[in-house]
N, C-alpha and C. Protein backbone atom coordinates (compact mmCIF):
# COMPACT_ATOMS: atom_id res chain seq x y z
N GLN A 1 -5.77 -34.55 10.87
CA GLN A 1 -4.98 -33.98 11.29
C GLN A 1 -5.45 -33.13 12.73
N VAL A 2 -4.45 -33.13 13.82
CA VAL A 2 -4.92 -32.53 15.28
C VAL A 2 -3.98 -31.92 14.81
N GLN A 3 -4.37 -30.35 15.78
CA GLN A 3 -3.15 -29.26 16.21
C GLN A 3 -3.95 -29.23 17.87
N VAL A 4 -2.86 -28.55 18.25
CA VAL A 4 -2.84 -28.72 19.81
C VAL A 4 -2.07 -27.35 19.87
N GLU A 5 -2.59 -26.42 20.76
CA GLU A 5 -2.09 -24.84 21.01
C GLU A 5 -1.87 -24.87 22.78
N GLU A 6 -1.59 -24.48 23.39
CA GLU A 6 -1.21 -24.07 24.62
C GLU A 6 -1.56 -22.00 24.55
N SER A 7 -1.99 -22.02 25.52
CA SER A 7 -2.21 -20.45 26.01
C SER A 7 -1.96 -20.42 27.83
N GLY A 8 -1.34 -19.19 28.03
CA GLY A 8 -1.20 -18.96 29.66
C GLY A 8 -0.29 -18.61 30.20
N GLY A 9 0.75 -18.94 29.36
CA GLY A 9 1.95 -18.61 29.94
C GLY A 9 2.75 -17.04 30.45
N GLY A 10 3.88 -17.22 30.90
CA GLY A 10 3.76 -15.69 31.06
C GLY A 10 4.79 -15.60 32.27
N LEU A 11 4.96 -14.25 32.64
CA LEU A 11 6.52 -13.98 33.71
C LEU A 11 5.31 -13.72 35.17
N VAL A 12 5.84 -14.74 36.20
CA VAL A 12 4.99 -14.28 37.08
C VAL A 12 5.90 -14.26 39.01
N GLN A 13 6.16 -13.30 39.55
CA GLN A 13 6.80 -13.64 40.85
C GLN A 13 6.24 -15.18 41.85
N PRO A 14 7.72 -15.13 42.67
CA PRO A 14 7.64 -16.42 43.24
C PRO A 14 6.34 -16.45 44.29
N GLY A 15 5.62 -17.29 44.40
CA GLY A 15 4.37 -17.59 45.07
C GLY A 15 3.33 -17.03 44.46
N GLY A 16 3.55 -16.61 43.45
CA GLY A 16 2.08 -16.34 42.46
C GLY A 16 1.19 -16.96 41.43
N SER A 17 0.66 -17.24 40.95
CA SER A 17 -0.13 -18.90 40.19
C SER A 17 0.05 -18.03 38.83
N LEU A 18 -0.54 -18.77 37.95
CA LEU A 18 -0.93 -18.79 36.11
C LEU A 18 -1.94 -19.88 36.09
N ARG A 19 -2.38 -19.95 35.11
CA ARG A 19 -3.50 -21.02 34.86
C ARG A 19 -3.04 -21.01 33.32
N LEU A 20 -2.69 -22.67 32.75
CA LEU A 20 -2.42 -22.77 31.56
C LEU A 20 -3.67 -23.54 30.55
N SER A 21 -3.68 -23.19 29.74
CA SER A 21 -5.01 -24.13 28.65
C SER A 21 -4.39 -24.69 27.53
N CYS A 22 -4.67 -25.47 26.87
CA CYS A 22 -4.34 -26.15 25.75
C CYS A 22 -5.70 -26.69 25.34
N ALA A 23 -5.95 -26.45 24.05
CA ALA A 23 -6.99 -26.85 23.23
C ALA A 23 -6.69 -27.66 21.85
N ALA A 24 -7.62 -28.76 21.68
CA ALA A 24 -7.18 -29.58 20.74
C ALA A 24 -8.07 -29.90 19.91
N SER A 25 -7.67 -29.57 18.35
CA SER A 25 -8.83 -29.68 17.50
C SER A 25 -8.37 -30.10 16.12
N GLY A 26 -9.71 -30.70 15.40
CA GLY A 26 -8.96 -31.12 14.11
C GLY A 26 -9.70 -32.40 14.34
N ASN A 27 -9.15 -33.68 13.64
CA ASN A 27 -9.69 -34.74 13.17
C ASN A 27 -9.37 -35.83 14.62
N ILE A 28 -10.33 -35.59 15.54
CA ILE A 28 -10.16 -36.17 16.85
C ILE A 28 -12.04 -36.46 16.93
N PHE A 29 -11.82 -38.51 17.09
CA PHE A 29 -12.97 -39.25 17.92
C PHE A 29 -13.28 -39.01 19.55
N SER A 30 -12.15 -39.50 19.95
CA SER A 30 -12.11 -39.58 20.81
C SER A 30 -10.46 -39.13 21.55
N ILE A 31 -10.54 -39.11 22.69
CA ILE A 31 -8.95 -38.58 23.43
C ILE A 31 -8.90 -39.46 24.52
N ASN A 32 -7.87 -39.79 24.69
CA ASN A 32 -7.62 -40.50 26.20
C ASN A 32 -6.91 -39.74 27.01
N THR A 33 -5.65 -40.29 27.03
CA THR A 33 -5.36 -38.79 28.47
C THR A 33 -4.91 -37.89 27.56
N MET A 34 -4.69 -36.40 28.39
CA MET A 34 -4.36 -35.51 28.19
C MET A 34 -3.19 -35.18 29.22
N GLY A 35 -2.27 -34.58 29.04
CA GLY A 35 -1.47 -33.98 29.80
C GLY A 35 -0.37 -32.67 30.05
N TRP A 36 0.68 -32.41 30.70
CA TRP A 36 1.42 -30.79 30.28
C TRP A 36 2.88 -31.83 31.24
N TYR A 37 3.61 -31.59 30.28
CA TYR A 37 4.97 -31.48 30.46
C TYR A 37 5.89 -30.50 30.37
N ARG A 38 7.31 -30.31 30.83
CA ARG A 38 7.73 -29.36 30.97
C ARG A 38 9.19 -29.60 30.37
N GLN A 39 10.07 -28.66 29.97
CA GLN A 39 11.45 -28.81 29.66
C GLN A 39 11.99 -27.51 30.11
N ALA A 40 12.95 -27.26 30.96
CA ALA A 40 14.17 -26.15 31.66
C ALA A 40 15.05 -26.31 30.95
N PRO A 41 15.82 -25.24 30.69
CA PRO A 41 16.98 -25.07 29.94
C PRO A 41 18.02 -25.83 30.45
N GLY A 42 18.78 -27.02 29.16
CA GLY A 42 19.63 -27.69 29.83
C GLY A 42 19.14 -28.95 30.01
N LYS A 43 18.25 -29.08 30.60
CA LYS A 43 17.44 -30.59 31.10
C LYS A 43 16.38 -31.44 30.11
N GLN A 44 15.81 -32.53 30.54
CA GLN A 44 15.35 -33.20 29.79
C GLN A 44 13.79 -32.83 30.07
N ARG A 45 13.02 -33.03 28.78
CA ARG A 45 11.40 -33.05 29.37
C ARG A 45 11.14 -33.53 30.21
N GLU A 46 10.13 -33.70 30.86
CA GLU A 46 9.51 -34.10 32.27
C GLU A 46 7.91 -34.33 32.33
N LEU A 47 7.42 -35.12 32.69
CA LEU A 47 6.02 -34.94 33.19
C LEU A 47 5.44 -34.34 34.00
N VAL A 48 4.32 -33.27 33.90
CA VAL A 48 4.00 -32.27 35.17
C VAL A 48 3.32 -33.04 35.59
N ALA A 49 1.66 -33.22 34.71
CA ALA A 49 0.77 -33.78 35.53
C ALA A 49 -0.10 -34.49 34.07
N VAL A 50 -0.48 -35.42 34.49
CA VAL A 50 -1.43 -36.24 33.50
C VAL A 50 -3.36 -36.42 33.85
N ILE A 51 -4.14 -36.51 33.36
CA ILE A 51 -5.46 -36.57 33.57
C ILE A 51 -6.08 -37.68 32.36
N SER A 52 -6.29 -38.90 32.85
CA SER A 52 -7.70 -39.67 32.16
C SER A 52 -8.97 -39.14 31.77
N GLY A 53 -9.26 -39.87 30.41
CA GLY A 53 -10.86 -38.99 30.22
C GLY A 53 -11.55 -39.36 31.32
N THR A 54 -11.31 -40.20 32.28
CA THR A 54 -12.44 -40.45 33.02
C THR A 54 -12.00 -39.32 34.06
N GLY A 55 -11.20 -38.59 34.51
CA GLY A 55 -10.57 -37.61 35.14
C GLY A 55 -9.83 -38.04 36.14
N SER A 56 -9.23 -39.05 36.61
CA SER A 56 -8.45 -39.30 37.30
C SER A 56 -6.50 -38.82 36.93
N SER A 57 -6.03 -38.06 37.96
CA SER A 57 -4.57 -37.63 37.40
C SER A 57 -3.75 -38.26 38.51
N ASN A 58 -2.72 -37.99 37.82
CA ASN A 58 -0.70 -38.18 38.74
C ASN A 58 -0.17 -37.04 37.80
N TYR A 59 0.51 -36.59 39.27
CA TYR A 59 1.42 -35.08 39.21
C TYR A 59 2.74 -35.76 39.61
N ALA A 60 4.10 -35.45 39.43
CA ALA A 60 4.95 -35.10 39.65
C ALA A 60 5.62 -34.66 41.04
N ASP A 61 5.90 -35.70 41.78
CA ASP A 61 6.55 -35.10 43.27
C ASP A 61 6.67 -33.79 43.29
N SER A 62 7.10 -32.96 42.75
CA SER A 62 7.44 -31.79 42.54
C SER A 62 6.67 -30.53 42.72
N VAL A 63 5.15 -30.96 42.08
CA VAL A 63 4.12 -29.99 42.19
C VAL A 63 3.27 -30.27 42.76
N LYS A 64 3.18 -31.86 43.20
CA LYS A 64 1.70 -31.69 44.07
C LYS A 64 1.41 -31.17 45.48
N GLY A 65 0.42 -30.76 45.35
CA GLY A 65 -0.33 -29.87 46.58
C GLY A 65 -0.30 -28.19 45.73
N ARG A 66 0.51 -28.36 44.60
CA ARG A 66 0.65 -26.88 44.14
C ARG A 66 0.02 -26.55 42.64
N PHE A 67 0.08 -27.37 41.75
CA PHE A 67 -0.67 -28.00 40.95
C PHE A 67 -1.90 -28.65 40.63
N THR A 68 -2.72 -27.94 39.88
CA THR A 68 -3.90 -29.23 39.83
C THR A 68 -4.12 -29.04 38.01
N ILE A 69 -4.55 -30.56 37.63
CA ILE A 69 -4.67 -30.61 36.37
C ILE A 69 -6.36 -30.83 36.26
N SER A 70 -6.83 -30.29 34.96
CA SER A 70 -8.57 -30.33 34.78
C SER A 70 -8.60 -30.60 33.37
N ARG A 71 -9.98 -30.87 32.67
CA ARG A 71 -10.28 -30.95 31.74
C ARG A 71 -11.70 -30.84 31.41
N ASP A 72 -11.82 -30.81 30.12
CA ASP A 72 -13.33 -30.25 29.64
C ASP A 72 -13.08 -31.26 28.35
N ASN A 73 -14.13 -32.32 28.16
CA ASN A 73 -14.35 -33.34 27.49
C ASN A 73 -14.84 -32.94 26.37
N GLY A 74 -16.27 -32.11 26.38
CA GLY A 74 -17.09 -31.16 25.73
C GLY A 74 -16.18 -29.91 24.67
N LYS A 75 -15.03 -29.70 25.30
CA LYS A 75 -14.72 -28.94 24.14
C LYS A 75 -12.98 -29.23 24.00
N ASN A 76 -12.93 -30.45 24.09
CA ASN A 76 -11.34 -31.04 24.33
C ASN A 76 -10.03 -30.30 24.76
N MET A 77 -10.29 -29.77 25.95
CA MET A 77 -9.33 -28.35 26.49
C MET A 77 -9.11 -29.30 27.89
N VAL A 78 -7.52 -28.73 28.34
CA VAL A 78 -7.41 -29.34 29.44
C VAL A 78 -6.36 -28.12 30.41
N TYR A 79 -6.59 -27.77 31.27
CA TYR A 79 -6.04 -26.50 32.18
C TYR A 79 -4.61 -27.60 32.85
N LEU A 80 -4.03 -26.66 33.63
CA LEU A 80 -3.20 -26.38 34.62
C LEU A 80 -3.57 -25.39 35.60
N GLN A 81 -3.82 -25.41 36.79
CA GLN A 81 -3.64 -24.26 37.35
C GLN A 81 -2.18 -24.42 38.59
N MET A 82 -1.74 -23.41 38.11
CA MET A 82 -0.24 -23.43 39.28
C MET A 82 -0.35 -22.47 39.98
N ASN A 83 -0.11 -23.01 41.45
CA ASN A 83 0.17 -22.20 42.34
C ASN A 83 1.18 -22.18 43.26
N SER A 84 1.44 -21.20 44.05
CA SER A 84 2.78 -21.02 44.85
C SER A 84 4.02 -21.79 43.87
N LEU A 85 3.88 -20.81 42.63
CA LEU A 85 4.68 -20.97 41.90
C LEU A 85 6.56 -20.73 42.80
N LYS A 86 7.48 -21.71 42.10
CA LYS A 86 8.48 -21.43 42.57
C LYS A 86 9.72 -20.94 41.29
N PRO A 87 11.05 -20.42 41.28
CA PRO A 87 11.51 -20.26 40.09
C PRO A 87 12.11 -21.48 39.38
N GLU A 88 12.06 -22.49 40.13
CA GLU A 88 12.79 -24.46 40.05
C GLU A 88 11.55 -24.63 38.82
N ASP A 89 10.63 -24.04 38.80
CA ASP A 89 9.33 -24.13 37.71
C ASP A 89 9.45 -23.52 36.16
N THR A 90 10.32 -22.41 36.38
CA THR A 90 10.62 -21.92 35.25
C THR A 90 11.04 -22.90 34.20
N ALA A 91 9.84 -22.91 32.79
CA ALA A 91 10.31 -24.01 32.10
C ALA A 91 9.20 -23.68 30.97
N VAL A 92 9.55 -24.51 29.72
CA VAL A 92 8.43 -24.58 28.81
C VAL A 92 7.46 -25.03 28.73
N TYR A 93 6.09 -24.88 28.97
CA TYR A 93 5.53 -26.15 29.06
C TYR A 93 5.11 -26.37 27.67
N TYR A 94 4.13 -27.87 27.63
CA TYR A 94 4.18 -28.74 26.49
C TYR A 94 2.59 -29.37 26.67
N CYS A 95 2.04 -29.00 25.55
CA CYS A 95 0.52 -29.79 26.24
C CYS A 95 0.90 -31.22 25.16
N ASN A 96 0.15 -32.07 25.77
CA ASN A 96 0.30 -33.80 25.28
C ASN A 96 -1.07 -34.03 25.30
N VAL A 97 -1.51 -34.63 23.90
CA VAL A 97 -3.18 -34.86 24.04
C VAL A 97 -3.02 -36.18 23.16
N ASN A 98 -3.36 -37.55 23.55
CA ASN A 98 -3.21 -38.57 23.36
C ASN A 98 -4.51 -39.08 22.18
N VAL A 99 -4.73 -39.25 21.24
CA VAL A 99 -6.13 -39.59 19.96
C VAL A 99 -6.19 -40.99 19.67
N LEU A 100 -7.22 -41.18 20.08
CA LEU A 100 -7.76 -42.95 19.72
C LEU A 100 -8.51 -42.93 18.45
N ARG A 101 -7.76 -43.57 17.27
CA ARG A 101 -8.21 -43.80 16.21
C ARG A 101 -7.94 -45.22 16.27
N TYR A 102 -8.71 -45.84 15.54
CA TYR A 102 -8.98 -47.36 15.01
C TYR A 102 -8.06 -48.21 15.97
N ALA A 103 -8.73 -48.32 17.04
CA ALA A 103 -7.76 -48.91 18.28
C ALA A 103 -6.52 -48.40 18.88
N LEU A 104 -5.60 -47.60 17.70
CA LEU A 104 -4.37 -47.11 17.89
C LEU A 104 -4.63 -45.95 18.91
N THR A 105 -3.25 -45.24 19.48
CA THR A 105 -3.12 -43.79 19.86
C THR A 105 -2.23 -43.30 19.37
N TYR A 106 -2.55 -41.92 19.33
CA TYR A 106 -1.59 -40.77 18.26
C TYR A 106 -1.01 -39.87 19.47
N ALA A 107 -0.11 -39.86 19.25
CA ALA A 107 0.13 -38.53 20.39
C ALA A 107 0.32 -37.05 19.58
N TYR A 108 -0.09 -35.97 20.01
CA TYR A 108 0.07 -34.87 19.78
C TYR A 108 0.78 -33.96 20.83
N TRP A 109 1.75 -32.93 20.05
CA TRP A 109 2.13 -32.06 21.24
C TRP A 109 2.02 -30.56 20.41
N GLY A 110 1.97 -30.12 21.47
CA GLY A 110 1.44 -28.01 21.07
C GLY A 110 3.09 -27.90 20.88
N GLN A 111 3.29 -26.42 20.55
CA GLN A 111 4.26 -25.89 20.54
C GLN A 111 5.10 -25.52 21.63
N GLY A 112 4.46 -25.37 22.79
CA GLY A 112 5.09 -25.21 24.28
C GLY A 112 4.79 -23.20 24.70
N THR A 113 4.86 -23.17 25.82
CA THR A 113 4.32 -21.90 26.20
C THR A 113 5.38 -21.43 27.44
N GLN A 114 6.08 -20.73 27.61
CA GLN A 114 6.86 -20.32 28.35
C GLN A 114 6.35 -19.75 29.43
N VAL A 115 7.07 -20.39 30.54
CA VAL A 115 6.92 -19.56 32.23
C VAL A 115 7.79 -19.61 32.71
N THR A 116 8.12 -18.34 33.48
CA THR A 116 9.13 -17.43 33.74
C THR A 116 8.71 -17.04 35.27
N VAL A 117 9.24 -17.63 36.23
CA VAL A 117 9.42 -17.01 37.67
C VAL A 117 10.09 -16.51 38.31
N SER A 118 10.22 -15.57 38.53
CA SER A 118 11.40 -14.44 38.84
C SER A 118 10.55 -13.20 39.43
N SER A 119 11.50 -13.31 40.36
CA SER A 119 11.15 -11.38 40.98
C SER A 119 12.30 -10.34 40.08
């Protein structure tokens, strides 16, 4: 089994910053991609950012230039630095970890952490 746990959410004013962290633990031999998704009330879950095992990353257009994803392969952790936050960034943020096992990929999700951007 693999456990995924996010931390770092909270309430921040527009223009502020937050850093989300995500730790994966358990039966892990190798991790492929790690990423962050978000879901706002009444909307579908959407990709925010994803990072490969070699460090290449992709971002949603709405967060490019403001958010930065990074990972620590030795600790099985992924981070999301969020700057210049806007009210429309308000959502529950979920961590996604794709674990490689016997040539197959298994996706694991965290419970989510709330990010609220409001004055």
